[in-house]
Amino acid sequence: LPANSEAVFSFEITNPPAAQDPPTIRIKTRGAVAIIDPSDMAVASSPVLGIAGGSLPLLVVVPRYDRKQIAQNSPLSSSPNTITLTLTLNLALVPPYALTLAGLGTLDYVSESMVTLVKSGVAAVGGQGV
């Protein structure tokens, strides 16, 4: 590694399934000419996928719904009925993505087997369930 030159190293890992706070990461160097004592690494803290501090190394966040609510505007037989979903997640969904609803029963009265849900111009596809 030449003096006063920047070197960038990358490696892939798989995050654990449970949430965790970012640890303090330290570096030390040992070479034929010099030994550099351990010291804390500088970290950049910026949002990733809408998660504050998401760029902190080894910060792990479990995706979840912070709010999931469903309602209708009419319980009357043979009348039009609008089903409204309200969702809040702890992360940003990046297209393409699908929202699948289960437990709606049979949708024989719907002309298509898929229901398209639209929020702010972004369409999400849902169905009868998995």
C-alpha atoms as a PDB file:
ATOM      1  CA  LEU A   1       0.000   0.000   0.000  1.00  0.00           C
ATOM      2  CA  PRO A   2       1.748   3.190  -1.123  1.00  0.00           C
ATOM      3  CA  ALA A   3       2.115   6.048   1.376  1.00  0.00           C
ATOM      4  CA  ASN A   4      -0.580   8.767   1.328  1.00  0.00           C
ATOM      5  CA  SER A   5      -2.803   6.823  -1.044  1.00  0.00           C
ATOM      6  CA  GLU A   6      -6.346   5.708  -0.366  1.00  0.00           C
ATOM      7  CA  ALA A   7      -7.235   2.037  -0.465  1.00  0.00           C
ATOM      8  CA  VAL A   8     -10.831   0.822  -0.414  1.00  0.00           C
ATOM      9  CA  PHE A   9     -11.693  -2.740   0.628  1.00  0.00           C
ATOM     10  CA  SER A  10     -15.152  -4.327   0.460  1.00  0.00           C
ATOM     11  CA  PHE A  11     -16.512  -7.668   1.556  1.00  0.00           C
ATOM     12  CA  GLU A  12     -19.966  -9.256   1.733  1.00  0.00           C
ATOM     13  CA  ILE A  13     -21.587 -10.626   4.888  1.00  0.00           C
ATOM     14  CA  THR A  14     -25.085 -11.767   5.816  1.00  0.00           C
ATOM     15  CA  ASN A  15     -26.711  -9.825   8.633  1.00  0.00           C
ATOM     16  CA  PRO A  16     -28.134 -11.826  11.539  1.00  0.00           C
ATOM     17  CA  PRO A  17     -31.918 -12.324  11.759  1.00  0.00           C
ATOM     18  CA  ALA A  18     -32.224 -10.304  14.988  1.00  0.00           C
ATOM     19  CA  ALA A  19     -31.879  -6.546  15.466  1.00  0.00           C
ATOM     20  CA  GLN A  20     -28.592  -5.270  16.842  1.00  0.00           C
ATOM     21  CA  ASP A  21     -26.903  -1.961  17.585  1.00  0.00           C
ATOM     22  CA  PRO A  22     -23.742  -1.130  15.677  1.00  0.00           C
ATOM     23  CA  PRO A  23     -20.563  -2.158  17.507  1.00  0.00           C
ATOM     24  CA  THR A  24     -17.400  -0.090  17.835  1.00  0.00           C
ATOM     25  CA  ILE A  25     -15.120  -1.324  15.082  1.00  0.00           C
ATOM     26  CA  ARG A  26     -11.377  -1.109  15.565  1.00  0.00           C
ATOM     27  CA  ILE A  27      -8.489  -1.544  13.157  1.00  0.00           C
ATOM     28  CA  LYS A  28      -4.850  -2.442  13.628  1.00  0.00           C
ATOM     29  CA  THR A  29      -2.118  -2.984  11.115  1.00  0.00           C
ATOM     30  CA  ARG A  30       0.915  -5.202  11.242  1.00  0.00           C
ATOM     31  CA  GLY A  31       3.390  -5.228   8.422  1.00  0.00           C
ATOM     32  CA  ALA A  32       7.045  -5.997   7.789  1.00  0.00           C
ATOM     33  CA  VAL A  33       8.009  -2.357   8.366  1.00  0.00           C
ATOM     34  CA  ALA A  34       5.461  -0.996  10.830  1.00  0.00           C
ATOM     35  CA  ILE A  35       2.907  -1.915  13.475  1.00  0.00           C
ATOM     36  CA  ILE A  36       0.011   0.464  14.032  1.00  0.00           C
ATOM     37  CA  ASP A  37      -1.812   0.083  17.345  1.00  0.00           C
ATOM     38  CA  PRO A  38      -5.576  -0.579  17.342  1.00  0.00           C
ATOM     39  CA  SER A  39      -7.800   2.462  16.987  1.00  0.00           C
ATOM     40  CA  ASP A  40     -11.531   3.098  16.478  1.00  0.00           C
ATOM     41  CA  MET A  41     -12.739   3.404  12.896  1.00  0.00           C
ATOM     42  CA  ALA A  42     -14.565   6.581  11.856  1.00  0.00           C
ATOM     43  CA  VAL A  43     -18.133   5.845  10.766  1.00  0.00           C
ATOM     44  CA  ALA A  44     -20.493   7.673   8.469  1.00  0.00           C
ATOM     45  CA  SER A  45     -24.070   7.944   9.707  1.00  0.00           C
ATOM     46  CA  SER A  46     -26.612   8.543   6.979  1.00  0.00           C
ATOM     47  CA  PRO A  47     -30.046   7.092   6.172  1.00  0.00           C
ATOM     48  CA  VAL A  48     -30.276   3.872   4.167  1.00  0.00           C
ATOM     49  CA  LEU A  49     -33.706   2.678   2.990  1.00  0.00           C
ATOM     50  CA  GLY A  50     -35.235   5.425   5.120  1.00  0.00           C
ATOM     51  CA  ILE A  51     -33.621   4.094   8.313  1.00  0.00           C
ATOM     52  CA  ALA A  52     -31.803   6.789  10.304  1.00  0.00           C
ATOM     53  CA  GLY A  53     -28.191   5.727  10.791  1.00  0.00           C
ATOM     54  CA  GLY A  54     -28.676   2.872   8.328  1.00  0.00           C
ATOM     55  CA  SER A  55     -25.104   3.267   7.065  1.00  0.00           C
ATOM     56  CA  LEU A  56     -23.612   2.460  10.493  1.00  0.00           C
ATOM     57  CA  PRO A  57     -21.653  -0.798  10.076  1.00  0.00           C
ATOM     58  CA  LEU A  58     -23.450  -3.834  11.484  1.00  0.00           C
ATOM     59  CA  LEU A  59     -26.554  -1.921  12.587  1.00  0.00           C
ATOM     60  CA  VAL A  60     -29.327  -4.444  11.961  1.00  0.00           C
ATOM     61  CA  VAL A  61     -33.003  -3.486  11.865  1.00  0.00           C
ATOM     62  CA  VAL A  62     -35.771  -6.068  11.567  1.00  0.00           C
ATOM     63  CA  PRO A  63     -38.361  -4.894   9.010  1.00  0.00           C
ATOM     64  CA  ARG A  64     -41.790  -4.421  10.576  1.00  0.00           C
ATOM     65  CA  TYR A  65     -45.131  -2.699  10.215  1.00  0.00           C
ATOM     66  CA  ASP A  66     -45.460   0.169  12.673  1.00  0.00           C
ATOM     67  CA  ARG A  67     -49.099   0.532  11.626  1.00  0.00           C
ATOM     68  CA  LYS A  68     -51.334  -1.857   9.663  1.00  0.00           C
ATOM     69  CA  GLN A  69     -55.015  -0.989   9.498  1.00  0.00           C
ATOM     70  CA  ILE A  70     -57.820  -2.030   7.151  1.00  0.00           C
ATOM     71  CA  ALA A  71     -61.344  -0.589   6.892  1.00  0.00           C
ATOM     72  CA  GLN A  72     -64.293  -0.434   4.521  1.00  0.00           C
ATOM     73  CA  ASN A  73     -66.765   2.291   3.630  1.00  0.00           C
ATOM     74  CA  SER A  74     -69.942   0.181   3.287  1.00  0.00           C
ATOM     75  CA  PRO A  75     -71.212  -2.968   5.039  1.00  0.00           C
ATOM     76  CA  LEU A  76     -74.419  -3.101   2.901  1.00  0.00           C
ATOM     77  CA  SER A  77     -75.108  -6.093   0.640  1.00  0.00           C
ATOM     78  CA  SER A  78     -74.785  -5.577  -3.121  1.00  0.00           C
ATOM     79  CA  SER A  79     -73.387  -2.073  -2.662  1.00  0.00           C
ATOM     80  CA  PRO A  80     -70.026  -0.748  -3.825  1.00  0.00           C
ATOM     81  CA  ASN A  81     -67.422  -1.042  -1.096  1.00  0.00           C
ATOM     82  CA  THR A  82     -63.991   0.538  -0.888  1.00  0.00           C
ATOM     83  CA  ILE A  83     -61.417  -1.277   1.222  1.00  0.00           C
ATOM     84  CA  THR A  84     -58.730   1.075   2.570  1.00  0.00           C
ATOM     85  CA  LEU A  85     -55.341  -0.094   3.818  1.00  0.00           C
ATOM     86  CA  THR A  86     -53.155   2.176   5.926  1.00  0.00           C
ATOM     87  CA  LEU A  87     -49.581   0.996   6.376  1.00  0.00           C
ATOM     88  CA  THR A  88     -46.518   2.455   8.042  1.00  0.00           C
ATOM     89  CA  LEU A  89     -43.236   0.562   7.865  1.00  0.00           C
ATOM     90  CA  ASN A  90     -39.945   1.184   9.639  1.00  0.00           C
ATOM     91  CA  LEU A  91     -38.128   1.179   6.293  1.00  0.00           C
ATOM     92  CA  ALA A  92     -38.638   2.365   2.732  1.00  0.00           C
ATOM     93  CA  LEU A  93     -39.943  -0.162   0.205  1.00  0.00           C
ATOM     94  CA  VAL A  94     -38.019   0.015  -3.037  1.00  0.00           C
ATOM     95  CA  PRO A  95     -39.919  -0.927  -6.230  1.00  0.00           C
ATOM     96  CA  PRO A  96     -40.701  -3.435  -7.424  1.00  0.00           C
ATOM     97  CA  TYR A  97     -42.587  -4.831  -4.459  1.00  0.00           C
ATOM     98  CA  ALA A  98     -45.857  -6.652  -3.813  1.00  0.00           C
ATOM     99  CA  LEU A  99     -48.356  -6.389  -0.988  1.00  0.00           C
ATOM    100  CA  THR A 100     -50.337  -9.604  -0.560  1.00  0.00           C
ATOM    101  CA  LEU A 101     -53.479  -9.752   1.546  1.00  0.00           C
ATOM    102  CA  ALA A 102     -54.751 -13.002   3.041  1.00  0.00           C
ATOM    103  CA  GLY A 103     -58.088 -13.695   4.689  1.00  0.00           C
ATOM    104  CA  LEU A 104     -60.313 -11.701   2.339  1.00  0.00           C
ATOM    105  CA  GLY A 105     -62.327 -14.785   1.516  1.00  0.00           C
ATOM    106  CA  THR A 106     -63.375 -15.465  -2.055  1.00  0.00           C
ATOM    107  CA  LEU A 107     -63.416 -12.517  -4.396  1.00  0.00           C
ATOM    108  CA  ASP A 108     -65.797 -14.062  -6.987  1.00  0.00           C
ATOM    109  CA  TYR A 109     -67.524 -10.727  -7.451  1.00  0.00           C
ATOM    110  CA  VAL A 110     -64.272  -9.053  -8.547  1.00  0.00           C
ATOM    111  CA  SER A 111     -63.635  -9.188 -12.304  1.00  0.00           C
ATOM    112  CA  GLU A 112     -59.936 -10.014 -11.907  1.00  0.00           C
ATOM    113  CA  SER A 113     -58.098 -12.358  -9.535  1.00  0.00           C
ATOM    114  CA  MET A 114     -55.695  -9.600  -8.496  1.00  0.00           C
ATOM    115  CA  VAL A 115     -56.520  -6.365  -6.691  1.00  0.00           C
ATOM    116  CA  THR A 116     -54.324  -3.347  -7.473  1.00  0.00           C
ATOM    117  CA  LEU A 117     -53.596  -1.069  -4.552  1.00  0.00           C
ATOM    118  CA  VAL A 118     -52.388   2.456  -5.374  1.00  0.00           C
ATOM    119  CA  LYS A 119     -50.666   4.887  -3.007  1.00  0.00           C
ATOM    120  CA  SER A 120     -49.145   8.165  -4.240  1.00  0.00           C
ATOM    121  CA  GLY A 121     -48.989   6.917  -7.810  1.00  0.00           C
ATOM    122  CA  VAL A 122     -47.041   3.767  -6.922  1.00  0.00           C
ATOM    123  CA  ALA A 123     -48.992   0.622  -7.653  1.00  0.00           C
ATOM    124  CA  ALA A 124     -48.650  -2.391  -5.402  1.00  0.00           C
ATOM    125  CA  VAL A 125     -50.165  -5.708  -6.419  1.00  0.00           C
ATOM    126  CA  GLY A 126     -52.106  -7.759  -3.885  1.00  0.00           C
ATOM    127  CA  GLY A 127     -54.030 -10.978  -4.090  1.00  0.00           C
ATOM    128  CA  GLN A 128     -56.081 -13.383  -2.046  1.00  0.00           C
ATOM    129  CA  GLY A 129     -53.113 -14.449   0.019  1.00  0.00           C
ATOM    130  CA  VAL A 130     -50.173 -16.733   0.097  1.00  0.00           C
END
